[in-house]
Amino acid sequence: MYHRWAALTLVLALWCLTPKSASGQSDSQPEQQQPRGRKAGSLGQNFPNPFKPETRIPFGIECADGTAEHVVSVHIYNVLAQLVAVPVVEGPGQAAENLKLPFGNFVAFWDGRVQGTGRQAASGIYIYELIVDGERSAKKMIIAKE
């Protein structure tokens, strides 16, 4: 039990200390290359976090170019970048895989089970990703078991 907590503490400490980008790299593009009127999705922090059996992931879809619907996907990955699950979007009640959604705020629900197996996901850190018309954003969450 002690080794699990020590390993988790080490992973979290290393994650906090890693730089977001290497020196000489920049996240911004030159002004002439930035596209105009790009669609954007805003990804919120899951709640509760850490969680035991299930969690909800809030996200929003915004756009300035007048497109009525956007192709949206939400994926959950483990730290090895393996797909663990595709949560269900509350409202439409469909898996969040290539859904066509209008502007607005939505919530994706995940019951903590591994897709295709039905078993509960192991304790640890997971990454969830929102893809809106090919534009990606991601955050992390923690599953804590007793």
N, C-alpha and C. Protein backbone atom coordinates (compact mmCIF):
# COMPACT_ATOMS: atom_id res chain seq x y z
N MET A 1 0.82 -1.19 0.00
CA MET A 1 0.00 0.00 0.00
C MET A 1 0.87 1.25 0.00
N TYR A 2 1.95 1.23 0.79
CA TYR A 2 2.85 2.37 0.87
C TYR A 2 3.47 2.65 -0.50
N HIS A 3 3.83 1.61 -1.25
CA HIS A 3 4.48 1.79 -2.55
C HIS A 3 3.55 2.45 -3.55
N ARG A 4 2.25 2.13 -3.49
CA ARG A 4 1.29 2.76 -4.40
C ARG A 4 1.22 4.26 -4.15
N TRP A 5 1.13 4.65 -2.89
CA TRP A 5 1.04 6.07 -2.56
C TRP A 5 2.35 6.78 -2.91
N ALA A 6 3.46 6.12 -2.68
CA ALA A 6 4.75 6.72 -3.02
C ALA A 6 4.86 6.92 -4.53
N ALA A 7 4.42 5.93 -5.31
CA ALA A 7 4.47 6.05 -6.77
C ALA A 7 3.55 7.15 -7.25
N LEU A 8 2.34 7.24 -6.69
CA LEU A 8 1.40 8.29 -7.08
C LEU A 8 1.96 9.66 -6.74
N THR A 9 2.56 9.80 -5.57
CA THR A 9 3.16 11.07 -5.16
C THR A 9 4.29 11.46 -6.11
N LEU A 10 5.11 10.49 -6.50
CA LEU A 10 6.21 10.75 -7.42
C LEU A 10 5.69 11.21 -8.78
N VAL A 11 4.68 10.55 -9.31
CA VAL A 11 4.11 10.93 -10.61
C VAL A 11 3.54 12.34 -10.54
N LEU A 12 2.80 12.66 -9.49
CA LEU A 12 2.22 14.00 -9.36
C LEU A 12 3.31 15.06 -9.22
N ALA A 13 4.36 14.77 -8.46
CA ALA A 13 5.45 15.73 -8.29
C ALA A 13 6.16 15.98 -9.62
N LEU A 14 6.44 14.92 -10.38
CA LEU A 14 7.09 15.08 -11.67
C LEU A 14 6.21 15.85 -12.65
N TRP A 15 4.91 15.60 -12.62
CA TRP A 15 3.99 16.30 -13.51
C TRP A 15 3.99 17.79 -13.21
N CYS A 16 4.03 18.15 -11.93
CA CYS A 16 4.02 19.56 -11.54
C CYS A 16 5.31 20.26 -11.93
N LEU A 17 6.41 19.54 -11.98
CA LEU A 17 7.70 20.15 -12.26
C LEU A 17 8.06 20.20 -13.73
N THR A 18 7.35 19.49 -14.59
CA THR A 18 7.69 19.49 -16.01
C THR A 18 7.30 20.80 -16.64
N PRO A 19 8.15 21.35 -17.51
CA PRO A 19 7.80 22.60 -18.18
C PRO A 19 6.70 22.37 -19.21
N LYS A 20 5.91 23.38 -19.43
CA LYS A 20 4.81 23.27 -20.40
C LYS A 20 5.34 23.25 -21.83
N SER A 21 6.44 23.93 -22.11
CA SER A 21 7.07 23.87 -23.43
C SER A 21 8.57 24.05 -23.25
N ALA A 22 9.33 23.50 -24.17
CA ALA A 22 10.78 23.61 -24.10
C ALA A 22 11.21 25.02 -24.45
N SER A 23 12.40 25.39 -24.00
CA SER A 23 12.87 26.73 -24.32
C SER A 23 13.03 26.87 -25.82
N GLY A 24 12.66 28.01 -26.32
CA GLY A 24 12.75 28.26 -27.75
C GLY A 24 11.47 27.90 -28.48
N GLN A 25 10.56 27.20 -27.83
CA GLN A 25 9.29 26.86 -28.44
C GLN A 25 8.24 27.86 -27.99
N SER A 26 7.29 28.10 -28.86
CA SER A 26 6.24 29.05 -28.55
C SER A 26 4.90 28.45 -28.94
N ASP A 27 3.88 28.66 -28.10
CA ASP A 27 2.55 28.16 -28.41
C ASP A 27 1.82 29.05 -29.40
N SER A 28 2.25 30.29 -29.54
CA SER A 28 1.54 31.22 -30.42
C SER A 28 2.08 31.11 -31.84
N GLN A 29 1.18 31.34 -32.80
CA GLN A 29 1.56 31.32 -34.20
C GLN A 29 1.75 32.76 -34.65
N PRO A 30 2.51 32.97 -35.72
CA PRO A 30 2.60 34.32 -36.26
C PRO A 30 1.22 34.83 -36.64
N GLU A 31 1.05 36.13 -36.59
CA GLU A 31 -0.26 36.76 -36.78
C GLU A 31 -0.90 36.40 -38.12
N GLN A 32 -0.13 36.29 -39.20
CA GLN A 32 -0.72 36.02 -40.50
C GLN A 32 -1.19 34.58 -40.64
N GLN A 33 -0.74 33.65 -39.78
CA GLN A 33 -1.12 32.25 -39.91
C GLN A 33 -2.32 31.87 -39.06
N GLN A 34 -2.76 32.72 -38.14
CA GLN A 34 -3.88 32.35 -37.29
C GLN A 34 -5.18 32.42 -38.08
N PRO A 35 -5.96 31.34 -38.09
CA PRO A 35 -7.21 31.33 -38.83
C PRO A 35 -8.25 32.24 -38.19
N ARG A 36 -9.12 32.79 -39.00
CA ARG A 36 -10.17 33.68 -38.52
C ARG A 36 -11.46 32.88 -38.31
N GLY A 37 -12.23 33.23 -37.29
CA GLY A 37 -13.53 32.60 -37.06
C GLY A 37 -13.46 31.14 -36.69
N ARG A 38 -12.39 30.71 -36.01
CA ARG A 38 -12.26 29.30 -35.64
C ARG A 38 -13.23 28.92 -34.56
N LYS A 39 -13.72 27.71 -34.64
CA LYS A 39 -14.60 27.17 -33.63
C LYS A 39 -13.76 26.82 -32.41
N ALA A 40 -14.36 26.89 -31.26
CA ALA A 40 -13.61 26.57 -30.05
C ALA A 40 -14.50 25.83 -29.08
N GLY A 41 -13.91 24.91 -28.38
CA GLY A 41 -14.61 24.22 -27.31
C GLY A 41 -13.91 24.55 -26.01
N SER A 42 -14.68 24.79 -24.98
CA SER A 42 -14.09 25.06 -23.67
C SER A 42 -14.35 23.85 -22.78
N LEU A 43 -13.30 23.33 -22.21
CA LEU A 43 -13.37 22.13 -21.39
C LEU A 43 -13.25 22.51 -19.93
N GLY A 44 -14.21 22.09 -19.12
CA GLY A 44 -14.19 22.36 -17.69
C GLY A 44 -13.57 21.21 -16.92
N GLN A 45 -13.31 21.44 -15.63
CA GLN A 45 -12.76 20.39 -14.77
C GLN A 45 -13.87 19.43 -14.37
N ASN A 46 -13.57 18.15 -14.43
CA ASN A 46 -14.58 17.16 -14.05
C ASN A 46 -14.94 17.32 -12.57
N PHE A 47 -16.11 16.86 -12.21
CA PHE A 47 -16.54 16.93 -10.81
C PHE A 47 -17.29 15.68 -10.46
N PRO A 48 -17.15 15.12 -9.28
CA PRO A 48 -16.08 15.47 -8.33
C PRO A 48 -14.73 14.97 -8.83
N ASN A 49 -13.68 15.55 -8.30
CA ASN A 49 -12.33 15.14 -8.67
C ASN A 49 -11.46 15.24 -7.41
N PRO A 50 -10.88 14.19 -6.89
CA PRO A 50 -10.96 12.81 -7.35
C PRO A 50 -12.35 12.21 -7.12
N PHE A 51 -12.63 11.16 -7.87
CA PHE A 51 -13.95 10.54 -7.77
C PHE A 51 -13.80 9.05 -7.58
N LYS A 52 -14.89 8.42 -7.13
CA LYS A 52 -14.87 6.97 -6.92
C LYS A 52 -15.65 6.26 -8.02
N PRO A 53 -16.97 6.26 -8.01
CA PRO A 53 -17.62 5.44 -9.03
C PRO A 53 -17.89 6.18 -10.34
N GLU A 54 -18.22 7.47 -10.30
CA GLU A 54 -18.62 8.15 -11.53
C GLU A 54 -18.29 9.64 -11.46
N THR A 55 -18.24 10.28 -12.64
CA THR A 55 -17.90 11.70 -12.72
C THR A 55 -18.64 12.35 -13.88
N ARG A 56 -18.66 13.67 -13.85
CA ARG A 56 -19.27 14.46 -14.92
C ARG A 56 -18.22 15.44 -15.45
N ILE A 57 -18.23 15.64 -16.77
CA ILE A 57 -17.25 16.50 -17.43
C ILE A 57 -18.00 17.61 -18.16
N PRO A 58 -17.92 18.86 -17.65
CA PRO A 58 -18.60 19.96 -18.33
C PRO A 58 -17.78 20.48 -19.52
N PHE A 59 -18.47 20.84 -20.59
CA PHE A 59 -17.79 21.46 -21.73
C PHE A 59 -18.76 22.37 -22.45
N GLY A 60 -18.20 23.32 -23.18
CA GLY A 60 -19.01 24.27 -23.93
C GLY A 60 -18.53 24.35 -25.37
N ILE A 61 -19.45 24.75 -26.25
CA ILE A 61 -19.12 24.91 -27.66
C ILE A 61 -19.45 26.35 -28.04
N GLU A 62 -18.45 27.04 -28.59
CA GLU A 62 -18.63 28.43 -29.01
C GLU A 62 -18.18 28.55 -30.46
N CYS A 63 -18.73 29.53 -31.16
CA CYS A 63 -18.30 29.76 -32.53
C CYS A 63 -18.71 31.16 -32.97
N ALA A 64 -17.89 31.75 -33.80
CA ALA A 64 -18.19 33.09 -34.30
C ALA A 64 -18.50 33.08 -35.79
N ASP A 65 -18.40 31.94 -36.45
CA ASP A 65 -18.59 31.94 -37.91
C ASP A 65 -20.00 31.55 -38.36
N GLY A 66 -20.92 31.30 -37.43
CA GLY A 66 -22.31 31.06 -37.79
C GLY A 66 -22.67 29.62 -38.11
N THR A 67 -21.74 28.67 -37.93
CA THR A 67 -22.05 27.27 -38.18
C THR A 67 -23.03 26.78 -37.12
N ALA A 68 -24.09 26.09 -37.56
CA ALA A 68 -25.14 25.67 -36.64
C ALA A 68 -24.74 24.47 -35.77
N GLU A 69 -24.05 23.50 -36.33
CA GLU A 69 -23.67 22.30 -35.58
C GLU A 69 -22.18 22.02 -35.75
N HIS A 70 -21.63 21.38 -34.71
CA HIS A 70 -20.22 21.04 -34.72
C HIS A 70 -20.04 19.57 -34.38
N VAL A 71 -19.02 18.97 -34.93
CA VAL A 71 -18.69 17.58 -34.64
C VAL A 71 -17.87 17.55 -33.36
N VAL A 72 -18.40 16.85 -32.34
CA VAL A 72 -17.82 16.85 -31.00
C VAL A 72 -17.54 15.42 -30.54
N SER A 73 -16.37 15.22 -29.94
CA SER A 73 -16.03 13.93 -29.32
C SER A 73 -15.38 14.19 -27.97
N VAL A 74 -15.64 13.30 -27.02
CA VAL A 74 -14.97 13.34 -25.71
C VAL A 74 -14.40 11.95 -25.48
N HIS A 75 -13.09 11.88 -25.19
CA HIS A 75 -12.42 10.61 -24.96
C HIS A 75 -11.73 10.64 -23.61
N ILE A 76 -11.61 9.45 -22.99
CA ILE A 76 -10.90 9.31 -21.73
C ILE A 76 -9.76 8.32 -21.96
N TYR A 77 -8.54 8.74 -21.59
CA TYR A 77 -7.34 7.92 -21.79
C TYR A 77 -6.66 7.66 -20.46
N ASN A 78 -5.92 6.54 -20.39
CA ASN A 78 -5.07 6.30 -19.22
C ASN A 78 -3.72 6.98 -19.46
N VAL A 79 -2.79 6.86 -18.52
CA VAL A 79 -1.50 7.54 -18.66
C VAL A 79 -0.62 6.93 -19.75
N LEU A 80 -1.01 5.77 -20.27
CA LEU A 80 -0.29 5.14 -21.38
C LEU A 80 -0.87 5.55 -22.72
N ALA A 81 -1.80 6.52 -22.70
CA ALA A 81 -2.47 7.04 -23.90
C ALA A 81 -3.34 5.99 -24.59
N GLN A 82 -3.86 5.05 -23.81
CA GLN A 82 -4.79 4.05 -24.34
C GLN A 82 -6.21 4.52 -24.06
N LEU A 83 -7.08 4.41 -25.07
CA LEU A 83 -8.47 4.82 -24.91
C LEU A 83 -9.14 3.92 -23.87
N VAL A 84 -9.72 4.53 -22.84
CA VAL A 84 -10.38 3.79 -21.78
C VAL A 84 -11.89 3.82 -21.97
N ALA A 85 -12.44 4.99 -22.32
CA ALA A 85 -13.89 5.10 -22.44
C ALA A 85 -14.27 6.32 -23.27
N VAL A 86 -15.50 6.29 -23.75
CA VAL A 86 -16.14 7.43 -24.39
C VAL A 86 -17.38 7.73 -23.56
N PRO A 87 -17.41 8.85 -22.82
CA PRO A 87 -18.55 9.13 -21.95
C PRO A 87 -19.81 9.45 -22.74
N VAL A 88 -20.94 9.49 -22.04
CA VAL A 88 -22.24 9.78 -22.64
C VAL A 88 -22.57 11.24 -22.36
N VAL A 89 -23.03 11.96 -23.39
CA VAL A 89 -23.42 13.35 -23.22
C VAL A 89 -24.84 13.39 -22.67
N GLU A 90 -25.00 14.05 -21.52
CA GLU A 90 -26.33 14.19 -20.93
C GLU A 90 -27.16 15.11 -21.81
N GLY A 91 -28.40 14.80 -22.00
CA GLY A 91 -29.26 15.54 -22.93
C GLY A 91 -29.53 14.64 -24.11
N PRO A 92 -28.59 14.59 -25.10
CA PRO A 92 -28.80 13.67 -26.21
C PRO A 92 -28.76 12.20 -25.78
N GLY A 93 -28.07 11.90 -24.68
CA GLY A 93 -27.99 10.52 -24.19
C GLY A 93 -27.23 9.60 -25.11
N GLN A 94 -26.30 10.13 -25.87
CA GLN A 94 -25.50 9.33 -26.80
C GLN A 94 -24.03 9.40 -26.40
N ALA A 95 -23.29 8.38 -26.82
CA ALA A 95 -21.85 8.39 -26.58
C ALA A 95 -21.25 9.59 -27.29
N ALA A 96 -20.29 10.24 -26.65
CA ALA A 96 -19.68 11.46 -27.17
C ALA A 96 -18.63 11.13 -28.22
N GLU A 97 -19.04 10.52 -29.29
CA GLU A 97 -18.14 10.16 -30.38
C GLU A 97 -18.75 10.68 -31.68
N ASN A 98 -18.14 11.71 -32.25
CA ASN A 98 -18.59 12.33 -33.49
C ASN A 98 -20.05 12.76 -33.44
N LEU A 99 -20.45 13.34 -32.31
CA LEU A 99 -21.81 13.87 -32.16
C LEU A 99 -21.90 15.23 -32.83
N LYS A 100 -23.04 15.52 -33.44
CA LYS A 100 -23.28 16.85 -33.99
C LYS A 100 -24.07 17.62 -32.95
N LEU A 101 -23.44 18.66 -32.37
CA LEU A 101 -24.06 19.44 -31.31
C LEU A 101 -24.08 20.92 -31.69
N PRO A 102 -25.11 21.65 -31.25
CA PRO A 102 -25.16 23.09 -31.48
C PRO A 102 -24.32 23.82 -30.42
N PHE A 103 -24.32 25.15 -30.48
CA PHE A 103 -23.63 25.95 -29.47
C PHE A 103 -24.28 25.69 -28.12
N GLY A 104 -23.52 25.89 -27.07
CA GLY A 104 -24.09 25.77 -25.72
C GLY A 104 -23.17 25.04 -24.79
N ASN A 105 -23.69 24.81 -23.58
CA ASN A 105 -22.96 24.10 -22.54
C ASN A 105 -23.55 22.71 -22.37
N PHE A 106 -22.68 21.74 -22.20
CA PHE A 106 -23.09 20.34 -22.09
C PHE A 106 -22.32 19.69 -20.95
N VAL A 107 -22.77 18.49 -20.56
CA VAL A 107 -22.10 17.70 -19.54
C VAL A 107 -22.01 16.27 -20.04
N ALA A 108 -20.79 15.71 -20.00
CA ALA A 108 -20.58 14.31 -20.34
C ALA A 108 -20.51 13.51 -19.04
N PHE A 109 -21.09 12.32 -19.03
CA PHE A 109 -21.14 11.47 -17.84
C PHE A 109 -20.32 10.21 -18.09
N TRP A 110 -19.45 9.85 -17.12
CA TRP A 110 -18.69 8.60 -17.19
C TRP A 110 -18.91 7.84 -15.90
N ASP A 111 -19.30 6.57 -16.03
CA ASP A 111 -19.59 5.73 -14.87
C ASP A 111 -18.35 5.05 -14.29
N GLY A 112 -17.18 5.34 -14.81
CA GLY A 112 -15.93 4.78 -14.29
C GLY A 112 -15.62 3.40 -14.80
N ARG A 113 -16.35 2.93 -15.81
CA ARG A 113 -16.11 1.59 -16.36
C ARG A 113 -15.28 1.67 -17.64
N VAL A 114 -14.47 0.63 -17.85
CA VAL A 114 -13.65 0.52 -19.05
C VAL A 114 -14.54 0.08 -20.20
N GLN A 115 -14.45 0.80 -21.30
CA GLN A 115 -15.28 0.52 -22.48
C GLN A 115 -15.02 -0.88 -23.01
N GLY A 116 -16.07 -1.59 -23.28
CA GLY A 116 -15.97 -2.93 -23.86
C GLY A 116 -15.81 -4.06 -22.86
N THR A 117 -15.39 -3.77 -21.63
CA THR A 117 -15.20 -4.83 -20.65
C THR A 117 -16.23 -4.79 -19.53
N GLY A 118 -16.71 -3.60 -19.21
CA GLY A 118 -17.68 -3.46 -18.13
C GLY A 118 -17.06 -3.43 -16.74
N ARG A 119 -15.74 -3.59 -16.64
CA ARG A 119 -15.11 -3.56 -15.32
C ARG A 119 -14.76 -2.14 -14.92
N GLN A 120 -14.65 -1.92 -13.62
CA GLN A 120 -14.31 -0.59 -13.11
C GLN A 120 -12.86 -0.25 -13.48
N ALA A 121 -12.62 0.98 -13.83
CA ALA A 121 -11.26 1.44 -14.14
C ALA A 121 -10.42 1.46 -12.86
N ALA A 122 -9.15 1.21 -13.00
CA ALA A 122 -8.24 1.18 -11.85
C ALA A 122 -8.01 2.58 -11.30
N SER A 123 -7.60 2.65 -10.06
CA SER A 123 -7.25 3.94 -9.45
C SER A 123 -6.07 4.54 -10.20
N GLY A 124 -6.06 5.86 -10.29
CA GLY A 124 -4.94 6.51 -10.94
C GLY A 124 -5.34 7.78 -11.66
N ILE A 125 -4.43 8.27 -12.48
CA ILE A 125 -4.63 9.50 -13.22
C ILE A 125 -5.11 9.15 -14.62
N TYR A 126 -6.11 9.88 -15.09
CA TYR A 126 -6.65 9.71 -16.42
C TYR A 126 -6.70 11.07 -17.10
N ILE A 127 -6.64 11.07 -18.42
CA ILE A 127 -6.72 12.29 -19.21
C ILE A 127 -8.03 12.26 -19.99
N TYR A 128 -8.77 13.37 -19.96
CA TYR A 128 -9.96 13.45 -20.80
C TYR A 128 -9.76 14.56 -21.81
N GLU A 129 -10.25 14.31 -23.03
CA GLU A 129 -9.98 15.19 -24.16
C GLU A 129 -11.28 15.56 -24.84
N LEU A 130 -11.42 16.84 -25.18
CA LEU A 130 -12.55 17.35 -25.95
C LEU A 130 -12.05 17.70 -27.34
N ILE A 131 -12.75 17.20 -28.36
CA ILE A 131 -12.40 17.51 -29.74
C ILE A 131 -13.62 18.16 -30.38
N VAL A 132 -13.48 19.43 -30.81
CA VAL A 132 -14.56 20.15 -31.48
C VAL A 132 -14.06 20.52 -32.87
N ASP A 133 -14.63 19.88 -33.89
CA ASP A 133 -14.23 20.11 -35.28
C ASP A 133 -12.71 20.01 -35.46
N GLY A 134 -12.10 19.03 -34.81
CA GLY A 134 -10.67 18.79 -34.94
C GLY A 134 -9.79 19.57 -33.98
N GLU A 135 -10.35 20.54 -33.28
CA GLU A 135 -9.59 21.33 -32.30
C GLU A 135 -9.63 20.62 -30.96
N ARG A 136 -8.48 20.35 -30.37
CA ARG A 136 -8.39 19.53 -29.16
C ARG A 136 -8.04 20.34 -27.92
N SER A 137 -8.58 19.89 -26.78
CA SER A 137 -8.16 20.40 -25.48
C SER A 137 -8.30 19.24 -24.49
N ALA A 138 -7.44 19.23 -23.46
CA ALA A 138 -7.43 18.10 -22.53
C ALA A 138 -7.15 18.56 -21.10
N LYS A 139 -7.61 17.74 -20.17
CA LYS A 139 -7.37 17.96 -18.73
C LYS A 139 -7.18 16.60 -18.09
N LYS A 140 -6.76 16.61 -16.81
CA LYS A 140 -6.56 15.35 -16.10
C LYS A 140 -7.56 15.20 -14.98
N MET A 141 -7.79 13.93 -14.60
CA MET A 141 -8.67 13.62 -13.46
C MET A 141 -8.08 12.43 -12.73
N ILE A 142 -8.56 12.22 -11.51
CA ILE A 142 -8.03 11.14 -10.67
C ILE A 142 -9.17 10.26 -10.19
N ILE A 143 -8.98 8.95 -10.33
CA ILE A 143 -9.91 7.98 -9.74
C ILE A 143 -9.27 7.52 -8.43
N ALA A 144 -10.00 7.65 -7.34
CA ALA A 144 -9.51 7.21 -6.03
C ALA A 144 -10.42 6.12 -5.51
N LYS A 145 -9.85 4.97 -5.20
CA LYS A 145 -10.60 3.85 -4.66
C LYS A 145 -10.25 3.68 -3.20
N GLU A 146 -11.12 3.01 -2.49
CA GLU A 146 -10.87 2.75 -1.07
C GLU A 146 -9.88 1.64 -0.87
